[in-house]
Amino acid sequence: MDIAWDLVYRADVIMESFSPGAIGAMGLDLDTIRARKPEIVIASSSLMGQTGPLAKLAGFGTMAGAISGFVHPTGWPDRAPCGLKAYTD
């Protein structure tokens, strides 16, 4: 945690992409960080969204390609999509 707080104090912006609630479970939720550094900007992004029925699920790059439709145009016309073969996370 000392390293995390050192990074917070040095940062202007924090970007995180954990599942909703994960960063708070680490003790680094918005209210706790803002109490120590009010001017910080925090951006949160998660594959399955911040709210809704799938929000608590962890997401990985291969899943992002599948649910976004990005995998569909891959592969050969007479076969199923073959995927990106790259991890976008």
PDB file of N, CA and C in Angstrom:
ATOM      1  N   MET A   1       0.814  -1.196   0.000  1.00  0.00           N
ATOM      2  CA  MET A   1       0.000   0.000   0.000  1.00  0.00           C
ATOM      3  C   MET A   1       0.860   1.263   0.000  1.00  0.00           C
ATOM      4  N   ASP A   2       2.045   1.181   0.600  1.00  0.00           N
ATOM      5  CA  ASP A   2       2.925   2.356   0.601  1.00  0.00           C
ATOM      6  C   ASP A   2       3.273   2.774  -0.823  1.00  0.00           C
ATOM      7  N   ILE A   3       3.526   1.789  -1.674  1.00  0.00           N
ATOM      8  CA  ILE A   3       3.867   2.082  -3.075  1.00  0.00           C
ATOM      9  C   ILE A   3       2.664   2.679  -3.791  1.00  0.00           C
ATOM     10  N   ALA A   4       1.488   2.122  -3.561  1.00  0.00           N
ATOM     11  CA  ALA A   4       0.277   2.645  -4.201  1.00  0.00           C
ATOM     12  C   ALA A   4       0.039   4.095  -3.803  1.00  0.00           C
ATOM     13  N   TRP A   5       0.159   4.397  -2.518  1.00  0.00           N
ATOM     14  CA  TRP A   5      -0.042   5.778  -2.061  1.00  0.00           C
ATOM     15  C   TRP A   5       1.045   6.704  -2.593  1.00  0.00           C
ATOM     16  N   ASP A   6       2.254   6.226  -2.713  1.00  0.00           N
ATOM     17  CA  ASP A   6       3.314   7.036  -3.296  1.00  0.00           C
ATOM     18  C   ASP A   6       2.956   7.415  -4.732  1.00  0.00           C
ATOM     19  N   LEU A   7       2.418   6.467  -5.470  1.00  0.00           N
ATOM     20  CA  LEU A   7       1.988   6.743  -6.846  1.00  0.00           C
ATOM     21  C   LEU A   7       0.828   7.724  -6.882  1.00  0.00           C
ATOM     22  N   VAL A   8      -0.122   7.576  -5.968  1.00  0.00           N
ATOM     23  CA  VAL A   8      -1.253   8.508  -5.894  1.00  0.00           C
ATOM     24  C   VAL A   8      -0.742   9.930  -5.667  1.00  0.00           C
ATOM     25  N   TYR A   9       0.159  10.106  -4.732  1.00  0.00           N
ATOM     26  CA  TYR A   9       0.665  11.447  -4.422  1.00  0.00           C
ATOM     27  C   TYR A   9       1.405  12.072  -5.595  1.00  0.00           C
ATOM     28  N   ARG A  10       1.987  11.268  -6.450  1.00  0.00           N
ATOM     29  CA  ARG A  10       2.736  11.771  -7.603  1.00  0.00           C
ATOM     30  C   ARG A  10       1.853  11.999  -8.827  1.00  0.00           C
ATOM     31  N   ALA A  11       0.634  11.449  -8.819  1.00  0.00           N
ATOM     32  CA  ALA A  11      -0.217  11.441 -10.008  1.00  0.00           C
ATOM     33  C   ALA A  11      -1.167  12.635 -10.062  1.00  0.00           C
ATOM     34  N   ASP A  12      -1.546  12.988 -11.273  1.00  0.00           N
ATOM     35  CA  ASP A  12      -2.635  13.934 -11.505  1.00  0.00           C
ATOM     36  C   ASP A  12      -3.912  13.172 -11.850  1.00  0.00           C
ATOM     37  N   VAL A  13      -3.733  12.023 -12.502  1.00  0.00           N
ATOM     38  CA  VAL A  13      -4.855  11.203 -12.962  1.00  0.00           C
ATOM     39  C   VAL A  13      -4.571   9.752 -12.610  1.00  0.00           C
ATOM     40  N   ILE A  14      -5.607   9.060 -12.149  1.00  0.00           N
ATOM     41  CA  ILE A  14      -5.530   7.614 -11.921  1.00  0.00           C
ATOM     42  C   ILE A  14      -6.504   6.954 -12.878  1.00  0.00           C
ATOM     43  N   MET A  15      -6.035   5.959 -13.598  1.00  0.00           N
ATOM     44  CA  MET A  15      -6.903   5.170 -14.473  1.00  0.00           C
ATOM     45  C   MET A  15      -6.838   3.728 -14.004  1.00  0.00           C
ATOM     46  N   GLU A  16      -8.010   3.109 -13.821  1.00  0.00           N
ATOM     47  CA  GLU A  16      -8.045   1.720 -13.396  1.00  0.00           C
ATOM     48  C   GLU A  16      -9.110   0.979 -14.185  1.00  0.00           C
ATOM     49  N   SER A  17      -8.906  -0.326 -14.329  1.00  0.00           N
ATOM     50  CA  SER A  17      -9.854  -1.130 -15.100  1.00  0.00           C
ATOM     51  C   SER A  17     -10.198  -2.436 -14.389  1.00  0.00           C
ATOM     52  N   PHE A  18     -10.272  -2.379 -13.085  1.00  0.00           N
ATOM     53  CA  PHE A  18     -10.699  -3.536 -12.313  1.00  0.00           C
ATOM     54  C   PHE A  18     -12.209  -3.695 -12.413  1.00  0.00           C
ATOM     55  N   SER A  19     -12.721  -4.848 -11.991  1.00  0.00           N
ATOM     56  CA  SER A  19     -14.166  -5.019 -11.864  1.00  0.00           C
ATOM     57  C   SER A  19     -14.661  -4.031 -10.814  1.00  0.00           C
ATOM     58  N   PRO A  20     -15.902  -3.535 -10.948  1.00  0.00           N
ATOM     59  CA  PRO A  20     -16.419  -2.578  -9.972  1.00  0.00           C
ATOM     60  C   PRO A  20     -16.289  -3.101  -8.534  1.00  0.00           C
ATOM     61  N   GLY A  21     -15.809  -2.245  -7.660  1.00  0.00           N
ATOM     62  CA  GLY A  21     -15.649  -2.597  -6.257  1.00  0.00           C
ATOM     63  C   GLY A  21     -14.272  -3.123  -5.900  1.00  0.00           C
ATOM     64  N   ALA A  22     -13.507  -3.576  -6.879  1.00  0.00           N
ATOM     65  CA  ALA A  22     -12.191  -4.160  -6.586  1.00  0.00           C
ATOM     66  C   ALA A  22     -11.221  -3.115  -6.051  1.00  0.00           C
ATOM     67  N   ILE A  23     -11.205  -1.959  -6.651  1.00  0.00           N
ATOM     68  CA  ILE A  23     -10.272  -0.921  -6.207  1.00  0.00           C
ATOM     69  C   ILE A  23     -10.626  -0.456  -4.791  1.00  0.00           C
ATOM     70  N   GLY A  24     -11.928  -0.418  -4.485  1.00  0.00           N
ATOM     71  CA  GLY A  24     -12.366  -0.063  -3.134  1.00  0.00           C
ATOM     72  C   GLY A  24     -11.963  -1.103  -2.112  1.00  0.00           C
ATOM     73  N   ALA A  25     -12.018  -2.373  -2.504  1.00  0.00           N
ATOM     74  CA  ALA A  25     -11.613  -3.452  -1.603  1.00  0.00           C
ATOM     75  C   ALA A  25     -10.128  -3.366  -1.256  1.00  0.00           C
ATOM     76  N   MET A  26      -9.367  -2.704  -2.107  1.00  0.00           N
ATOM     77  CA  MET A  26      -7.941  -2.507  -1.846  1.00  0.00           C
ATOM     78  C   MET A  26      -7.691  -1.283  -0.969  1.00  0.00           C
ATOM     79  N   GLY A  27      -8.757  -0.544  -0.648  1.00  0.00           N
ATOM     80  CA  GLY A  27      -8.605   0.663   0.149  1.00  0.00           C
ATOM     81  C   GLY A  27      -8.275   1.890  -0.672  1.00  0.00           C
ATOM     82  N   LEU A  28      -8.528   1.814  -1.977  1.00  0.00           N
ATOM     83  CA  LEU A  28      -8.201   2.931  -2.864  1.00  0.00           C
ATOM     84  C   LEU A  28      -9.438   3.460  -3.584  1.00  0.00           C
ATOM     85  N   ASP A  29     -10.569   3.505  -2.877  1.00  0.00           N
ATOM     86  CA  ASP A  29     -11.789   4.018  -3.493  1.00  0.00           C
ATOM     87  C   ASP A  29     -11.706   5.539  -3.623  1.00  0.00           C
ATOM     88  N   LEU A  30     -12.606   6.096  -4.397  1.00  0.00           N
ATOM     89  CA  LEU A  30     -12.587   7.525  -4.701  1.00  0.00           C
ATOM     90  C   LEU A  30     -12.594   8.386  -3.440  1.00  0.00           C
ATOM     91  N   ASP A  31     -13.471   8.093  -2.495  1.00  0.00           N
ATOM     92  CA  ASP A  31     -13.559   8.916  -1.286  1.00  0.00           C
ATOM     93  C   ASP A  31     -12.268   8.884  -0.473  1.00  0.00           C
ATOM     94  N   THR A  32     -11.667   7.712  -0.362  1.00  0.00           N
ATOM     95  CA  THR A  32     -10.424   7.582   0.409  1.00  0.00           C
ATOM     96  C   THR A  32      -9.283   8.332  -0.268  1.00  0.00           C
ATOM     97  N   ILE A  33      -9.192   8.215  -1.581  1.00  0.00           N
ATOM     98  CA  ILE A  33      -8.129   8.915  -2.309  1.00  0.00           C
ATOM     99  C   ILE A  33      -8.348  10.417  -2.254  1.00  0.00           C
ATOM    100  N   ARG A  34      -9.583  10.852  -2.485  1.00  0.00           N
ATOM    101  CA  ARG A  34      -9.878  12.288  -2.475  1.00  0.00           C
ATOM    102  C   ARG A  34      -9.670  12.905  -1.089  1.00  0.00           C
ATOM    103  N   ALA A  35      -9.827  12.124  -0.033  1.00  0.00           N
ATOM    104  CA  ALA A  35      -9.572  12.634   1.315  1.00  0.00           C
ATOM    105  C   ALA A  35      -8.101  13.012   1.475  1.00  0.00           C
ATOM    106  N   ARG A  36      -7.233  12.295   0.780  1.00  0.00           N
ATOM    107  CA  ARG A  36      -5.789  12.576   0.859  1.00  0.00           C
ATOM    108  C   ARG A  36      -5.316  13.518  -0.231  1.00  0.00           C
ATOM    109  N   LYS A  37      -5.985  13.467  -1.412  1.00  0.00           N
ATOM    110  CA  LYS A  37      -5.569  14.308  -2.536  1.00  0.00           C
ATOM    111  C   LYS A  37      -6.823  14.756  -3.293  1.00  0.00           C
ATOM    112  N   PRO A  38      -7.442  15.850  -2.851  1.00  0.00           N
ATOM    113  CA  PRO A  38      -8.731  16.282  -3.399  1.00  0.00           C
ATOM    114  C   PRO A  38      -8.724  16.608  -4.887  1.00  0.00           C
ATOM    115  N   GLU A  39      -7.600  17.020  -5.427  1.00  0.00           N
ATOM    116  CA  GLU A  39      -7.550  17.454  -6.830  1.00  0.00           C
ATOM    117  C   GLU A  39      -7.367  16.308  -7.826  1.00  0.00           C
ATOM    118  N   ILE A  40      -7.234  15.086  -7.360  1.00  0.00           N
ATOM    119  CA  ILE A  40      -6.977  13.942  -8.249  1.00  0.00           C
ATOM    120  C   ILE A  40      -8.176  13.677  -9.166  1.00  0.00           C
ATOM    121  N   VAL A  41      -7.898  13.226 -10.357  1.00  0.00           N
ATOM    122  CA  VAL A  41      -8.924  12.801 -11.302  1.00  0.00           C
ATOM    123  C   VAL A  41      -8.814  11.289 -11.418  1.00  0.00           C
ATOM    124  N   ILE A  42      -9.944  10.590 -11.328  1.00  0.00           N
ATOM    125  CA  ILE A  42      -9.935   9.130 -11.405  1.00  0.00           C
ATOM    126  C   ILE A  42     -10.881   8.687 -12.510  1.00  0.00           C
ATOM    127  N   ALA A  43     -10.379   7.831 -13.388  1.00  0.00           N
ATOM    128  CA  ALA A  43     -11.196   7.247 -14.457  1.00  0.00           C
ATOM    129  C   ALA A  43     -11.255   5.740 -14.241  1.00  0.00           C
ATOM    130  N   SER A  44     -12.463   5.211 -14.282  1.00  0.00           N
ATOM    131  CA  SER A  44     -12.656   3.773 -14.103  1.00  0.00           C
ATOM    132  C   SER A  44     -13.295   3.186 -15.348  1.00  0.00           C
ATOM    133  N   SER A  45     -12.787   2.070 -15.775  1.00  0.00           N
ATOM    134  CA  SER A  45     -13.308   1.384 -16.943  1.00  0.00           C
ATOM    135  C   SER A  45     -13.311  -0.110 -16.656  1.00  0.00           C
ATOM    136  N   SER A  46     -14.400  -0.761 -16.981  1.00  0.00           N
ATOM    137  CA  SER A  46     -14.431  -2.216 -16.834  1.00  0.00           C
ATOM    138  C   SER A  46     -15.201  -2.798 -18.008  1.00  0.00           C
ATOM    139  N   LEU A  47     -14.792  -3.954 -18.450  1.00  0.00           N
ATOM    140  CA  LEU A  47     -15.346  -4.549 -19.655  1.00  0.00           C
ATOM    141  C   LEU A  47     -16.848  -4.739 -19.584  1.00  0.00           C
ATOM    142  N   MET A  48     -17.358  -5.185 -18.456  1.00  0.00           N
ATOM    143  CA  MET A  48     -18.780  -5.475 -18.341  1.00  0.00           C
ATOM    144  C   MET A  48     -19.581  -4.306 -17.777  1.00  0.00           C
ATOM    145  N   GLY A  49     -18.968  -3.129 -17.668  1.00  0.00           N
ATOM    146  CA  GLY A  49     -19.663  -1.939 -17.201  1.00  0.00           C
ATOM    147  C   GLY A  49     -19.542  -1.732 -15.707  1.00  0.00           C
ATOM    148  N   GLN A  50     -19.895  -0.553 -15.272  1.00  0.00           N
ATOM    149  CA  GLN A  50     -19.838  -0.206 -13.855  1.00  0.00           C
ATOM    150  C   GLN A  50     -21.107  -0.610 -13.117  1.00  0.00           C
ATOM    151  N   THR A  51     -22.210  -0.745 -13.843  1.00  0.00           N
ATOM    152  CA  THR A  51     -23.486  -1.138 -13.259  1.00  0.00           C
ATOM    153  C   THR A  51     -24.132  -2.174 -14.165  1.00  0.00           C
ATOM    154  N   GLY A  52     -25.189  -2.783 -13.706  1.00  0.00           N
ATOM    155  CA  GLY A  52     -25.926  -3.740 -14.516  1.00  0.00           C
ATOM    156  C   GLY A  52     -25.660  -5.173 -14.111  1.00  0.00           C
ATOM    157  N   PRO A  53     -26.340  -6.109 -14.756  1.00  0.00           N
ATOM    158  CA  PRO A  53     -26.292  -7.513 -14.331  1.00  0.00           C
ATOM    159  C   PRO A  53     -24.939  -8.191 -14.502  1.00  0.00           C
ATOM    160  N   LEU A  54     -24.091  -7.714 -15.387  1.00  0.00           N
ATOM    161  CA  LEU A  54     -22.790  -8.353 -15.621  1.00  0.00           C
ATOM    162  C   LEU A  54     -21.626  -7.581 -15.004  1.00  0.00           C
ATOM    163  N   ALA A  55     -21.905  -6.494 -14.318  1.00  0.00           N
ATOM    164  CA  ALA A  55     -20.859  -5.592 -13.824  1.00  0.00           C
ATOM    165  C   ALA A  55     -19.845  -6.267 -12.908  1.00  0.00           C
ATOM    166  N   LYS A  56     -20.249  -7.233 -12.131  1.00  0.00           N
ATOM    167  CA  LYS A  56     -19.326  -7.866 -11.182  1.00  0.00           C
ATOM    168  C   LYS A  56     -18.422  -8.917 -11.831  1.00  0.00           C
ATOM    169  N   LEU A  57     -18.650  -9.210 -13.097  1.00  0.00           N
ATOM    170  CA  LEU A  57     -17.814 -10.195 -13.796  1.00  0.00           C
ATOM    171  C   LEU A  57     -16.513  -9.550 -14.266  1.00  0.00           C
ATOM    172  N   ALA A  58     -15.428 -10.256 -14.093  1.00  0.00           N
ATOM    173  CA  ALA A  58     -14.150  -9.787 -14.626  1.00  0.00           C
ATOM    174  C   ALA A  58     -14.172  -9.943 -16.143  1.00  0.00           C
ATOM    175  N   GLY A  59     -13.545  -9.041 -16.834  1.00  0.00           N
ATOM    176  CA  GLY A  59     -13.500  -9.122 -18.283  1.00  0.00           C
ATOM    177  C   GLY A  59     -12.068  -9.113 -18.776  1.00  0.00           C
ATOM    178  N   PHE A  60     -11.829  -9.822 -19.849  1.00  0.00           N
ATOM    179  CA  PHE A  60     -10.501  -9.902 -20.441  1.00  0.00           C
ATOM    180  C   PHE A  60     -10.602  -9.580 -21.930  1.00  0.00           C
ATOM    181  N   GLY A  61      -9.479  -9.277 -22.544  1.00  0.00           N
ATOM    182  CA  GLY A  61      -9.462  -8.843 -23.930  1.00  0.00           C
ATOM    183  C   GLY A  61     -10.148  -9.769 -24.909  1.00  0.00           C
ATOM    184  N   THR A  62      -9.984 -11.066 -24.738  1.00  0.00           N
ATOM    185  CA  THR A  62     -10.633 -12.002 -25.662  1.00  0.00           C
ATOM    186  C   THR A  62     -12.149 -11.905 -25.556  1.00  0.00           C
ATOM    187  N   MET A  63     -12.656 -11.655 -24.344  1.00  0.00           N
ATOM    188  CA  MET A  63     -14.097 -11.481 -24.154  1.00  0.00           C
ATOM    189  C   MET A  63     -14.560 -10.181 -24.805  1.00  0.00           C
ATOM    190  N   ALA A  64     -13.756  -9.143 -24.700  1.00  0.00           N
ATOM    191  CA  ALA A  64     -14.114  -7.857 -25.305  1.00  0.00           C
ATOM    192  C   ALA A  64     -14.269  -8.003 -26.811  1.00  0.00           C
ATOM    193  N   GLY A  65     -13.360  -8.727 -27.434  1.00  0.00           N
ATOM    194  CA  GLY A  65     -13.456  -8.951 -28.873  1.00  0.00           C
ATOM    195  C   GLY A  65     -14.719  -9.703 -29.250  1.00  0.00           C
ATOM    196  N   ALA A  66     -15.084 -10.675 -28.447  1.00  0.00           N
ATOM    197  CA  ALA A  66     -16.277 -11.483 -28.734  1.00  0.00           C
ATOM    198  C   ALA A  66     -17.562 -10.690 -28.532  1.00  0.00           C
ATOM    199  N   ILE A  67     -17.718 -10.034 -27.389  1.00  0.00           N
ATOM    200  CA  ILE A  67     -18.984  -9.350 -27.124  1.00  0.00           C
ATOM    201  C   ILE A  67     -19.153  -8.063 -27.930  1.00  0.00           C
ATOM    202  N   SER A  68     -18.060  -7.504 -28.426  1.00  0.00           N
ATOM    203  CA  SER A  68     -18.162  -6.279 -29.225  1.00  0.00           C
ATOM    204  C   SER A  68     -18.425  -6.570 -30.696  1.00  0.00           C
ATOM    205  N   GLY A  69     -18.304  -7.829 -31.099  1.00  0.00           N
ATOM    206  CA  GLY A  69     -18.480  -8.176 -32.503  1.00  0.00           C
ATOM    207  C   GLY A  69     -17.203  -8.067 -33.304  1.00  0.00           C
ATOM    208  N   PHE A  70     -16.106  -7.728 -32.663  1.00  0.00           N
ATOM    209  CA  PHE A  70     -14.839  -7.545 -33.367  1.00  0.00           C
ATOM    210  C   PHE A  70     -14.267  -8.859 -33.876  1.00  0.00           C
ATOM    211  N   VAL A  71     -14.650  -9.982 -33.266  1.00  0.00           N
ATOM    212  CA  VAL A  71     -14.147 -11.288 -33.682  1.00  0.00           C
ATOM    213  C   VAL A  71     -14.878 -11.781 -34.944  1.00  0.00           C
ATOM    214  N   HIS A  72     -16.120 -11.358 -35.103  1.00  0.00           N
ATOM    215  CA  HIS A  72     -16.948 -11.882 -36.198  1.00  0.00           C
ATOM    216  C   HIS A  72     -16.301 -11.797 -37.584  1.00  0.00           C
ATOM    217  N   PRO A  73     -15.663 -10.691 -37.968  1.00  0.00           N
ATOM    218  CA  PRO A  73     -15.099 -10.622 -39.328  1.00  0.00           C
ATOM    219  C   PRO A  73     -13.771 -11.355 -39.507  1.00  0.00           C
ATOM    220  N   THR A  74     -13.305 -12.078 -38.486  1.00  0.00           N
ATOM    221  CA  THR A  74     -12.025 -12.777 -38.605  1.00  0.00           C
ATOM    222  C   THR A  74     -12.216 -14.179 -39.164  1.00  0.00           C
ATOM    223  N   GLY A  75     -11.161 -14.737 -39.685  1.00  0.00           N
ATOM    224  CA  GLY A  75     -11.200 -16.110 -40.173  1.00  0.00           C
ATOM    225  C   GLY A  75     -11.562 -16.195 -41.653  1.00  0.00           C
ATOM    226  N   TRP A  76     -12.045 -17.365 -42.063  1.00  0.00           N
ATOM    227  CA  TRP A  76     -12.382 -17.646 -43.449  1.00  0.00           C
ATOM    228  C   TRP A  76     -13.898 -17.688 -43.632  1.00  0.00           C
ATOM    229  N   PRO A  77     -14.400 -17.382 -44.811  1.00  0.00           N
ATOM    230  CA  PRO A  77     -15.854 -17.325 -45.028  1.00  0.00           C
ATOM    231  C   PRO A  77     -16.578 -18.648 -44.744  1.00  0.00           C
ATOM    232  N   ASP A  78     -15.916 -19.779 -44.928  1.00  0.00           N
ATOM    233  CA  ASP A  78     -16.581 -21.076 -44.751  1.00  0.00           C
ATOM    234  C   ASP A  78     -16.341 -21.684 -43.365  1.00  0.00           C
ATOM    235  N   ARG A  79     -15.805 -20.909 -42.425  1.00  0.00           N
ATOM    236  CA  ARG A  79     -15.513 -21.407 -41.081  1.00  0.00           C
ATOM    237  C   ARG A  79     -16.000 -20.411 -40.029  1.00  0.00           C
ATOM    238  N   ALA A  80     -16.032 -20.877 -38.798  1.00  0.00           N
ATOM    239  CA  ALA A  80     -16.412 -19.995 -37.700  1.00  0.00           C
ATOM    240  C   ALA A  80     -15.334 -18.935 -37.473  1.00  0.00           C
ATOM    241  N   PRO A  81     -15.689 -17.814 -36.841  1.00  0.00           N
ATOM    242  CA  PRO A  81     -14.664 -16.804 -36.537  1.00  0.00           C
ATOM    243  C   PRO A  81     -13.527 -17.418 -35.729  1.00  0.00           C
ATOM    244  N   CYS A  82     -12.322 -16.953 -35.999  1.00  0.00           N
ATOM    245  CA  CYS A  82     -11.161 -17.550 -35.334  1.00  0.00           C
ATOM    246  C   CYS A  82     -10.602 -16.677 -34.223  1.00  0.00           C
ATOM    247  N   GLY A  83     -11.105 -15.488 -34.035  1.00  0.00           N
ATOM    248  CA  GLY A  83     -10.643 -14.652 -32.947  1.00  0.00           C
ATOM    249  C   GLY A  83      -9.489 -13.753 -33.339  1.00  0.00           C
ATOM    250  N   LEU A  84      -9.137 -12.881 -32.424  1.00  0.00           N
ATOM    251  CA  LEU A  84      -8.099 -11.894 -32.694  1.00  0.00           C
ATOM    252  C   LEU A  84      -6.688 -12.430 -32.548  1.00  0.00           C
ATOM    253  N   LYS A  85      -6.525 -13.451 -31.727  1.00  0.00           N
ATOM    254  CA  LYS A  85      -5.212 -14.003 -31.412  1.00  0.00           C
ATOM    255  C   LYS A  85      -4.297 -12.948 -30.806  1.00  0.00           C
ATOM    256  N   ALA A  86      -4.918 -11.989 -30.135  1.00  0.00           N
ATOM    257  CA  ALA A  86      -4.185 -10.963 -29.400  1.00  0.00           C
ATOM    258  C   ALA A  86      -4.993 -10.594 -28.176  1.00  0.00           C
ATOM    259  N   TYR A  87      -4.335 -10.270 -27.114  1.00  0.00           N
ATOM    260  CA  TYR A  87      -5.027  -9.877 -25.894  1.00  0.00           C
ATOM    261  C   TYR A  87      -5.072  -8.362 -25.830  1.00  0.00           C
ATOM    262  N   THR A  88      -6.264  -7.822 -25.864  1.00  0.00           N
ATOM    263  CA  THR A  88      -6.427  -6.369 -25.912  1.00  0.00           C
ATOM    264  C   THR A  88      -6.396  -5.732 -24.529  1.00  0.00           C
ATOM    265  N   ASP A  89      -6.309  -6.538 -23.466  1.00  0.00           N
ATOM    266  CA  ASP A  89      -6.217  -5.931 -22.139  1.00  0.00           C
ATOM    267  C   ASP A  89      -4.755  -5.847 -21.774  1.00  0.00           C
TER     268      ASP A  89
END
